[in-house]
Protein backbone atom coordinates (compact mmCIF):
# COMPACT_ATOMS: atom_id res chain seq x y z
CA MET A 1 -4.58 3.04 5.67
CA TYR A 2 -4.46 -0.57 4.85
CA LEU A 3 -5.23 -3.34 7.08
CA SER A 4 -2.61 -5.86 6.16
CA ARG A 5 0.34 -6.51 4.10
CA ARG A 6 -1.93 -8.84 1.92
CA ALA A 7 -3.16 -5.35 0.65
CA ILE A 8 -0.18 -4.13 -0.32
CA PHE A 9 -0.50 -6.68 -3.68
CA LEU A 10 -4.31 -7.23 -3.73
CA GLY A 11 -5.37 -3.90 -2.55
CA LEU A 12 -7.77 -2.39 -0.38
CA SER A 13 -8.49 0.55 -2.41
CA ALA A 14 -7.51 1.33 -5.97
CA LEU A 15 -4.47 -1.12 -5.74
CA PRO A 16 -1.62 1.34 -6.42
CA LEU A 17 0.79 -1.35 -6.43
CA SER A 18 -0.99 -4.41 -7.14
CA ALA A 19 -2.62 -3.39 -10.40
CA CYS A 20 0.52 -3.01 -12.17
CA MET A 21 2.08 -6.32 -11.41
CA GLY A 22 2.16 -8.41 -14.27
CA GLY A 23 2.46 -6.03 -16.82
CA GLY A 24 0.26 -3.74 -18.24
CA VAL A 25 -1.57 -0.21 -17.43
CA PRO A 26 -3.74 -0.76 -14.20
CA LEU A 27 -7.41 0.06 -14.16
CA THR A 28 -8.38 2.82 -12.56
CA ALA A 29 -10.49 3.06 -9.51
CA SER A 30 -13.66 4.11 -11.59
CA ALA A 31 -13.12 1.54 -13.82
CA GLN A 32 -12.76 -1.18 -11.61
CA ALA A 33 -15.90 -0.26 -9.80
CA ALA A 34 -17.83 0.43 -13.04
CA SER A 35 -16.99 -3.23 -14.14
CA VAL A 36 -17.23 -5.26 -11.18
CA MET A 37 -18.96 -3.37 -8.12
CA ARG A 38 -22.60 -3.70 -9.31
CA ALA A 39 -25.18 -3.94 -6.31
CA GLU A 40 -27.49 -6.93 -6.63
CA PRO A 41 -30.85 -8.10 -5.06
CA ASN A 42 -30.56 -9.75 -1.83
CA PRO A 43 -33.40 -9.82 0.56
CA ALA A 44 -30.97 -11.51 3.51
CA PHE A 45 -28.97 -8.25 3.25
CA ASP A 46 -32.31 -5.91 3.52
CA ALA A 47 -33.13 -7.84 6.35
CA TRP A 48 -30.01 -7.46 8.07
CA LYS A 49 -30.06 -3.71 7.51
CA ALA A 50 -33.42 -3.66 8.99
CA GLN A 51 -32.23 -5.26 12.04
CA PHE A 52 -28.87 -2.84 12.17
CA ARG A 53 -30.79 -0.07 11.67
CA GLY A 54 -31.98 -0.67 15.58
CA ARG A 55 -28.35 -1.02 16.60
CA ALA A 56 -27.06 2.16 14.91
CA LEU A 57 -30.12 4.48 16.39
CA PHE A 58 -29.10 3.19 19.66
CA ALA A 59 -25.26 3.78 18.73
CA GLY A 60 -26.12 7.75 18.23
CA ILE A 61 -26.60 7.82 14.67
CA ALA A 62 -29.54 10.11 13.57
CA ALA A 63 -32.51 8.76 11.75
CA ASN A 64 -32.28 11.75 9.06
CA VAL A 65 -28.70 10.36 8.51
CA LEU A 66 -28.97 6.84 8.86
CA ASP A 67 -32.29 6.26 6.76
CA PRO A 68 -30.81 7.85 3.63
CA ALA A 69 -27.67 6.06 3.87
CA LEU A 70 -29.23 2.78 4.61
CA SER A 71 -31.78 3.12 1.76
CA SER A 72 -28.48 4.03 -0.90
CA ALA A 73 -26.33 0.96 0.39
CA GLY A 74 -26.57 -2.05 -1.96
CA PHE A 75 -25.39 -5.39 -1.84
CA LEU A 76 -22.22 -5.74 -3.61
CA PRO A 77 -21.02 -9.49 -3.85
CA ASP A 78 -17.76 -8.33 -5.54
CA VAL A 79 -16.49 -7.08 -2.62
CA ILE A 80 -17.13 -10.50 -0.52
CA ALA A 81 -15.24 -12.00 -3.42
CA ARG A 82 -12.26 -9.71 -3.21
CA ASP A 83 -12.05 -10.10 0.83
CA ARG A 84 -12.17 -13.95 0.08
CA ARG A 85 -9.22 -14.29 -2.16
CA GLN A 86 -6.93 -12.30 -0.40
CA ALA A 87 -4.03 -14.70 -0.08
CA GLU A 88 -0.75 -13.68 0.10
CA PHE A 89 1.33 -13.33 -2.43
CA THR A 90 5.11 -14.35 -2.50
CA ARG A 91 7.18 -11.52 -3.88
CA THR A 92 10.67 -10.58 -3.23
CA LEU A 93 12.01 -7.14 -1.95
CA GLU A 94 13.17 -6.27 -5.49
CA ASP A 95 9.81 -6.80 -6.53
CA TYR A 96 8.04 -4.67 -4.19
CA LEU A 97 10.60 -1.70 -4.28
CA GLY A 98 10.79 -2.10 -8.21
CA ILE A 99 7.06 -1.11 -8.26
CA ALA A 100 7.20 1.05 -4.72
CA VAL A 101 9.64 3.26 -5.98
CA SER A 102 9.46 2.71 -9.34
CA PRO A 103 11.06 5.73 -11.90
CA GLU A 104 7.50 6.61 -12.65
CA ARG A 105 6.24 7.04 -8.97
CA LEU A 106 9.65 8.74 -7.92
CA ALA A 107 9.18 10.99 -10.73
CA ALA A 108 5.71 11.95 -9.79
CA GLY A 109 6.62 12.21 -6.02
CA ARG A 110 8.98 14.92 -6.84
CA ARG A 111 6.52 16.67 -8.77
CA ALA A 112 3.88 16.35 -6.00
CA LEU A 113 6.32 17.37 -3.67
CA ALA A 114 7.06 20.89 -5.40
CA GLN A 115 3.43 21.22 -6.46
CA TYR A 116 2.20 21.33 -2.94
CA GLY A 117 5.68 22.05 -1.21
CA SER A 118 4.17 25.21 0.76
CA THR A 119 1.22 22.82 1.98
CA LEU A 120 3.64 20.23 3.28
CA ARG A 121 6.12 22.67 4.88
CA ALA A 122 3.20 23.84 6.65
CA ILE A 123 2.19 20.80 7.46
CA GLU A 124 5.62 20.10 8.94
CA ALA A 125 5.76 22.59 11.07
CA ARG A 126 2.17 21.90 12.87
CA PHE A 127 2.94 18.05 12.78
CA GLY A 128 6.15 17.54 12.95
CA VAL A 129 6.62 15.01 10.05
CA GLU A 130 8.65 16.16 6.89
CA PRO A 131 7.34 16.67 3.58
CA GLU A 132 9.09 13.82 1.63
CA VAL A 133 7.58 11.21 4.26
CA VAL A 134 3.90 12.67 3.78
CA THR A 135 4.31 12.52 0.08
CA ALA A 136 5.53 8.96 0.06
CA ILE A 137 2.33 7.81 2.16
CA TRP A 138 0.40 9.88 -0.55
CA GLY A 139 2.44 8.17 -3.25
CA LEU A 140 1.97 4.35 -2.33
CA GLU A 141 -1.36 4.88 -0.89
CA SER A 142 -3.17 6.33 -3.86
CA ARG A 143 -0.32 7.18 -6.76
CA TYR A 144 -0.70 10.60 -5.17
CA GLY A 145 -4.26 11.20 -5.30
CA SER A 146 -5.24 9.57 -9.19
CA GLU A 147 -6.27 6.16 -7.45
CA ARG A 148 -8.55 6.98 -4.66
CA GLY A 149 -11.35 4.15 -5.11
CA ASP A 150 -14.65 4.71 -6.39
CA ILE A 151 -16.70 2.08 -4.47
CA PRO A 152 -19.79 3.58 -2.01
CA VAL A 153 -17.96 2.69 1.69
CA ILE A 154 -21.48 2.67 3.06
CA SER A 155 -22.37 -0.52 0.99
CA ALA A 156 -19.15 -1.71 0.90
CA THR A 157 -18.87 -1.92 4.65
CA ALA A 158 -22.51 -2.86 4.78
CA THR A 159 -22.04 -5.92 2.75
CA LEU A 160 -18.58 -7.11 4.50
CA ALA A 161 -20.64 -6.64 7.89
CA PHE A 162 -23.45 -8.46 6.47
CA GLU A 163 -21.45 -11.41 5.45
CA GLY A 164 -19.90 -11.88 8.61
CA ARG A 165 -16.64 -13.26 8.26
CA ARG A 166 -15.15 -9.56 9.78
CA GLY A 167 -18.65 -8.71 10.69
CA ALA A 168 -17.81 -7.22 13.96
CA PHE A 169 -15.01 -5.16 12.60
CA PHE A 170 -16.73 -4.13 9.04
CA GLU A 171 -19.84 -3.19 11.21
CA SER A 172 -17.48 -0.67 13.61
CA GLN A 173 -16.49 0.67 10.17
CA LEU A 174 -20.32 0.79 8.90
CA LEU A 175 -20.73 2.95 11.86
CA ALA A 176 -17.86 5.43 11.82
CA ALA A 177 -18.62 6.13 8.05
CA LEU A 178 -22.22 7.10 9.13
CA ARG A 179 -20.73 9.47 11.91
CA ILE A 180 -18.24 10.88 9.09
CA LEU A 181 -22.05 11.78 7.54
CA GLN A 182 -23.45 12.80 10.64
CA ARG A 183 -20.77 15.06 11.29
CA GLY A 184 -20.92 16.56 7.90
CA ASP A 185 -17.30 16.34 6.67
CA THR A 186 -19.08 14.67 3.34
CA ASN A 187 -22.25 13.13 1.70
CA VAL A 188 -23.15 9.66 0.64
CA ARG A 189 -22.30 10.60 -2.86
CA ASN A 190 -18.93 11.46 -2.17
CA LEU A 191 -18.13 9.03 0.41
CA ARG A 192 -16.36 6.38 -1.88
CA GLY A 193 -13.12 4.57 -1.53
CA SER A 194 -11.66 0.85 -1.76
CA TRP A 195 -13.84 -2.23 -1.58
CA ALA A 196 -13.24 -2.48 2.24
CA GLY A 197 -13.78 1.24 3.06
CA ALA A 198 -10.20 2.69 3.07
CA MET A 199 -10.98 6.23 1.91
CA GLY A 200 -9.08 9.18 0.15
CA HIS A 201 -5.91 10.29 -0.62
CA THR A 202 -4.39 8.42 2.05
CA GLN A 203 -6.45 5.72 2.52
CA PHE A 204 -8.22 5.94 5.85
CA ILE A 205 -10.36 3.54 7.32
CA PRO A 206 -13.69 5.36 8.59
CA THR A 207 -12.33 4.53 12.52
CA THR A 208 -8.96 6.05 11.77
CA PHE A 209 -10.45 9.00 9.85
CA GLN A 210 -12.92 9.78 12.98
CA GLU A 211 -9.74 9.57 15.31
CA TYR A 212 -7.04 11.11 13.44
CA ALA A 213 -8.51 13.07 10.36
CA VAL A 214 -8.03 16.96 10.45
CA ASP A 215 -9.49 20.38 9.01
CA PHE A 216 -6.07 21.47 7.76
CA THR A 217 -7.71 24.01 5.45
CA GLY A 218 -10.27 25.62 8.00
CA ASP A 219 -13.59 25.10 6.07
CA GLY A 220 -14.90 23.22 8.83
CA ARG A 221 -14.84 19.64 7.15
CA ARG A 222 -12.05 17.00 7.07
CA ASP A 223 -12.38 16.30 3.43
CA ILE A 224 -9.97 13.80 2.62
CA TRP A 225 -11.80 13.13 -0.65
CA SER A 226 -11.43 16.03 -2.48
CA ASP A 227 -8.71 16.83 -5.22
CA ASP A 228 -7.52 19.27 -3.05
CA PRO A 229 -5.30 16.83 -0.81
CA SER A 230 -4.40 19.06 2.21
CA ASP A 231 -6.79 17.75 4.74
CA ALA A 232 -5.39 13.99 3.49
CA LEU A 233 -1.96 15.09 3.79
CA ALA A 234 -2.37 16.68 7.18
CA SER A 235 -4.41 13.62 8.43
CA ALA A 236 -1.44 11.27 7.55
CA ALA A 237 0.83 13.72 9.17
CA ASN A 238 -1.42 13.77 12.15
CA TYR A 239 -1.67 9.83 12.56
CA LEU A 240 2.07 9.62 12.18
CA SER A 241 2.62 12.26 14.99
CA ARG A 242 0.32 10.79 17.29
CA MET A 243 1.98 7.74 16.63
CA GLY A 244 5.49 9.02 18.03
CA TRP A 245 7.52 10.21 14.92
CA ARG A 246 10.18 12.10 15.42
CA ARG A 247 11.40 14.90 13.08
CA GLY A 248 14.82 14.92 11.66
CA GLN A 249 15.28 11.14 12.22
CA PRO A 250 15.93 8.57 9.94
CA TRP A 251 13.50 5.67 9.33
CA GLY A 252 16.67 3.27 8.55
CA VAL A 253 20.01 2.87 7.34
CA GLU A 254 21.43 0.40 5.12
CA VAL A 255 24.12 -1.54 6.56
CA ARG A 256 26.92 -3.97 5.48
CA LEU A 257 27.16 -6.88 7.79
CA PRO A 258 30.60 -8.60 8.79
CA ASP A 259 31.45 -12.08 7.67
CA GLY A 260 30.29 -14.66 9.81
CA PHE A 261 27.77 -12.24 11.63
CA ASN A 262 25.07 -14.24 13.46
CA THR A 263 21.74 -13.45 11.88
CA VAL A 264 19.94 -14.59 14.77
CA LEU A 265 20.31 -11.59 16.34
CA ALA A 266 18.12 -10.13 13.33
CA GLY A 267 14.70 -9.23 13.89
CA ARG A 268 12.25 -6.37 15.16
CA GLY A 269 12.05 -8.25 18.63
CA SER A 270 15.62 -7.06 19.12
CA THR A 271 16.81 -3.65 19.62
CA ARG A 272 20.63 -2.32 20.69
CA SER A 273 22.27 0.81 20.35
CA ALA A 274 24.20 1.83 17.30
CA ALA A 275 27.46 1.03 19.59
CA GLU A 276 26.61 -2.20 20.12
CA TRP A 277 25.76 -2.73 16.66
CA THR A 278 29.03 -1.23 15.64
CA GLY A 279 30.70 -3.39 18.10
CA LEU A 280 29.48 -6.32 16.30
CA GLY A 281 30.90 -5.22 13.43
CA LEU A 282 27.63 -3.43 11.18
CA ARG A 283 28.85 -0.40 9.25
CA ASP A 284 27.19 1.59 6.68
CA MET A 285 27.59 1.19 2.93
CA ASP A 286 29.91 3.60 3.04
CA GLY A 287 32.39 1.62 5.90
CA ARG A 288 31.18 4.29 8.92
CA ASN A 289 29.83 3.64 12.22
CA VAL A 290 26.40 4.12 12.33
CA GLN A 291 24.95 7.21 13.95
CA ASP A 292 23.13 6.99 17.03
CA HIS A 293 19.18 7.48 16.24
CA GLY A 294 18.49 5.40 19.55
CA ALA A 295 17.45 1.91 19.86
CA ALA A 296 17.66 0.08 16.36
CA SER A 297 16.68 -3.48 14.91
CA LEU A 298 18.51 -5.09 12.29
CA ILE A 299 16.04 -6.60 9.63
CA LEU A 300 17.06 -8.83 6.63
CA PRO A 301 13.99 -8.80 4.65
CA ASP A 302 15.85 -10.26 1.44
CA GLY A 303 17.44 -12.86 3.48
CA PRO A 304 20.93 -12.74 4.86
CA ARG A 305 22.79 -12.00 1.78
CA GLY A 306 20.24 -9.24 0.46
CA PRO A 307 20.52 -5.71 1.92
CA ALA A 308 20.14 -5.38 5.47
CA PHE A 309 18.93 -2.34 7.44
CA LEU A 310 19.26 -0.98 10.82
CA VAL A 311 15.90 0.38 11.50
CA PHE A 312 14.79 3.09 14.28
CA ASN A 313 11.61 4.57 15.98
CA ASN A 314 10.20 5.90 12.89
CA PHE A 315 10.36 2.65 10.98
CA ARG A 316 7.94 1.64 13.90
CA VAL A 317 6.02 4.39 13.50
CA ILE A 318 5.70 3.63 9.78
CA LEU A 319 4.72 0.05 10.40
CA ARG A 320 1.41 1.43 12.48
CA TYR A 321 0.28 2.74 9.01
CA ASN A 322 0.53 -1.08 7.74
CA ASN A 323 2.26 -3.52 9.60
CA SER A 324 4.74 -5.07 6.60
CA GLU A 325 8.46 -4.53 6.63
CA PHE A 326 8.22 -4.47 2.75
CA TYR A 327 5.79 -1.45 3.11
CA GLY A 328 7.72 0.34 5.81
CA ILE A 329 10.97 -0.09 3.65
CA GLY A 330 8.84 1.13 0.66
CA ILE A 331 7.59 4.49 2.30
CA GLY A 332 11.24 5.05 3.74
CA HIS A 333 12.90 4.45 0.62
CA LEU A 334 10.37 6.38 -1.37
CA ALA A 335 10.72 9.30 0.85
CA ASP A 336 14.69 9.28 0.77
CA ARG A 337 14.74 9.27 -3.57
CA ILE A 338 12.00 11.95 -3.34
CA ALA A 339 14.74 13.75 -0.94
CA GLY A 340 17.41 13.10 -3.48
CA ARG A 341 19.26 9.99 -1.78
CA GLY A 342 20.51 7.19 -3.78
CA PRO A 343 19.20 3.58 -4.29
CA ILE A 344 19.66 0.62 -1.91
CA ARG A 345 23.01 -0.79 -2.73
CA GLY A 346 22.99 -4.24 -1.68
CA ASN A 347 22.46 -7.21 -3.84
CA PHE A 348 18.54 -8.41 -4.05
CA GLN A 349 18.64 -12.17 -4.39
CA PRO A 350 16.81 -14.13 -7.06
CA ASP A 351 13.36 -15.10 -6.83
CA ARG A 352 12.38 -19.11 -5.90
CA ASN A 353 12.91 -19.43 -9.96
CA GLY A 354 16.41 -18.07 -9.88
CA LEU A 355 15.49 -14.94 -11.60
CA ARG A 356 16.08 -11.18 -10.55
CA LEU A 357 13.96 -8.17 -11.36
CA GLY A 358 15.86 -7.51 -14.66
CA ASP A 359 15.59 -10.95 -16.01
CA ARG A 360 11.80 -11.06 -15.65
CA ARG A 361 11.74 -7.30 -17.41
CA GLU A 362 13.81 -9.35 -20.04
CA ILE A 363 11.61 -12.23 -20.01
CA GLN A 364 8.38 -9.56 -20.43
CA GLU A 365 10.31 -7.45 -23.36
CA ARG A 366 11.43 -10.26 -25.56
CA LEU A 367 7.93 -11.95 -25.24
CA THR A 368 6.02 -8.95 -26.29
CA ARG A 369 8.81 -8.45 -29.15
CA ALA A 370 8.00 -11.90 -30.23
CA GLY A 371 3.85 -11.32 -30.33
CA PHE A 372 2.91 -12.57 -26.98
CA ASP A 373 1.98 -9.38 -25.22
CA THR A 374 2.77 -9.03 -21.32
CA GLN A 375 0.86 -5.72 -21.32
CA GLY A 376 3.74 -4.06 -19.51
CA THR A 377 7.63 -4.61 -18.66
CA ASP A 378 7.55 -3.95 -14.62
CA GLY A 379 9.45 -7.29 -14.24
CA VAL A 380 6.77 -8.53 -11.67
CA ILE A 381 4.92 -11.46 -12.99
CA GLY A 382 1.27 -11.42 -12.78
CA PRO A 383 -1.82 -12.73 -14.97
CA ASN A 384 -0.99 -10.90 -18.15
CA SER A 385 2.38 -11.74 -18.18
CA GLU A 386 1.32 -15.51 -17.22
CA SER A 387 -0.81 -15.64 -20.03
CA ALA A 388 1.57 -14.62 -22.39
CA ILE A 389 4.04 -17.53 -21.35
CA ARG A 390 1.07 -19.81 -21.27
CA ALA A 391 0.65 -18.63 -25.15
CA TYR A 392 4.35 -19.10 -26.06
CA GLN A 393 5.15 -22.14 -24.40
CA GLN A 394 1.67 -23.69 -26.35
CA ALA A 395 2.88 -22.32 -29.72
CA ARG A 396 6.56 -24.01 -29.02
CA GLY A 397 4.94 -27.02 -27.90
CA LEU A 398 6.65 -26.78 -24.43
CA PRO A 399 4.99 -27.60 -21.16
CA VAL A 400 2.46 -25.21 -20.55
CA THR A 401 3.18 -23.76 -16.79
CA GLY A 402 2.68 -19.95 -16.99
CA GLN A 403 5.66 -19.65 -15.37
CA PRO A 404 9.06 -17.63 -15.53
CA SER A 405 12.07 -19.66 -15.85
CA LEU A 406 15.73 -19.21 -16.89
CA ASP A 407 15.00 -21.91 -19.56
CA LEU A 408 12.57 -19.77 -20.74
CA LEU A 409 14.91 -16.68 -20.61
CA GLU A 410 17.16 -18.67 -22.45
CA ARG A 411 15.23 -19.80 -25.28
CA LEU A 412 13.76 -16.34 -25.93
CA ARG A 413 17.37 -14.96 -26.20
CA ARG A 414 18.12 -17.68 -28.74
CA GLY A 415 15.11 -16.84 -30.42
CA ALA A 416 13.44 -20.04 -29.88
C-alpha cells in the first residue's frame, strides 16, 4: 500500500509502474536491491539502534525477537536517497493509463484471474469485493506478484526512522514490522519489500498489515510474501471491505459534458445525485442517463476537454488505498478491462510539448531505428528516452535538451 501519489511514479516497492517509464525493461526488485541497497557502517545508526531497543522493549517487543532483528538491521543510505528524491512527476492521464492498463498488464491480469479464479471467488464470497477489482490492485501494486520488493524491511524502516525526516512515522512502521515477527507471520529473512517498507503482493506497509491482513489459507500465518498470493489478495479485499466497498456498484462511469458546462461543479468535494447530474446535461458515453449508484462527484483528471467521469463510493474507497485520482482511475479501469469492458472513449489531451502518447511512441520507435536506442517504446519519456534524444540532438548539431517535441518528431519522420 503506497503512501502518496508520488509513489506511483517513483515507487515504494519494486516500481511496477515507474520502472517502465521512458522505455526499457524494468529492473526486477531483486536486481534493484542487489545493485543499490547495500548496508554501510554507521556508528550513529548503531547508537540509534541501542536507544531504540529500550523504546521497543517498552512497546512490548520481546527481547528474543528484537535483538536478532536489530542485529541484522543495516544502515541503507540508498533508502534515504530515494526518500529525498520523491519529487512529483508531471504526467498526463494518458501516460499513466498507458502503463497501468497496458496491453501486457491487461493480458497478465486476465491470466491471473483465470489462474486464481476459484480463490478470488472465495475471497469475494467472504469480503464482498469483486475478483477483477482485487486482481487490478494486485496488478498495479506488484505486477501480479512478480515485483514484490527484495529490501529488508527492518533495515529500511530503521534507516528511515534514524534519518529523522519522517522519523516518528517510520519508527511506527519498524515497531509494526517487529510485531509481525513476534506474531510469527514470517521471519526476518522473508520480511522484505520496498525501500519504504511496503510488502508483498499487495504492498501493505507494516501498520496496515497489522490492522487488515488476514490468514485466508488457515495455516496460522498472514503470509503476504509467499508465492501463493491467497493471503495477500484476501487482505486487500478485507481492507477495501472495511473501508466501505459496495459489491455490484461501479467505481465510476465515463460521461459526456454538454456544451457550455460549468466545470466549477467538478471536483471530489462536490457530490450530487445521478438525477441532478442528468439535469445538468451529463450523459454516459452512449447518450443515456447515468444510473443511480448513490452520491456522485464529477472529476476531470485531464482537464475540461479530456475524459470525464462521475465517480461513486467505490472510487473513494480505492483512494483509501492510495489517495491519487490517477491511481483510482487506473485500478477502476484496469478492473473494468479485465472484466471485458471497453477502453476509455474521451479524447486525451496533449502534454506540455503538444504530444500525445502515440506521438511519443513514434519518437521512441524512430529514434531506435535511427540508432539511438530508447530501450522500449511505451510512449512515456524517461531517462532512457531523454538520453537517446540528447544523443540524437548532439549528432545532428541541434540544441541538446533531451526533451521530445513536435519539431523532433517531424525531423525524425523526414529522416533528418
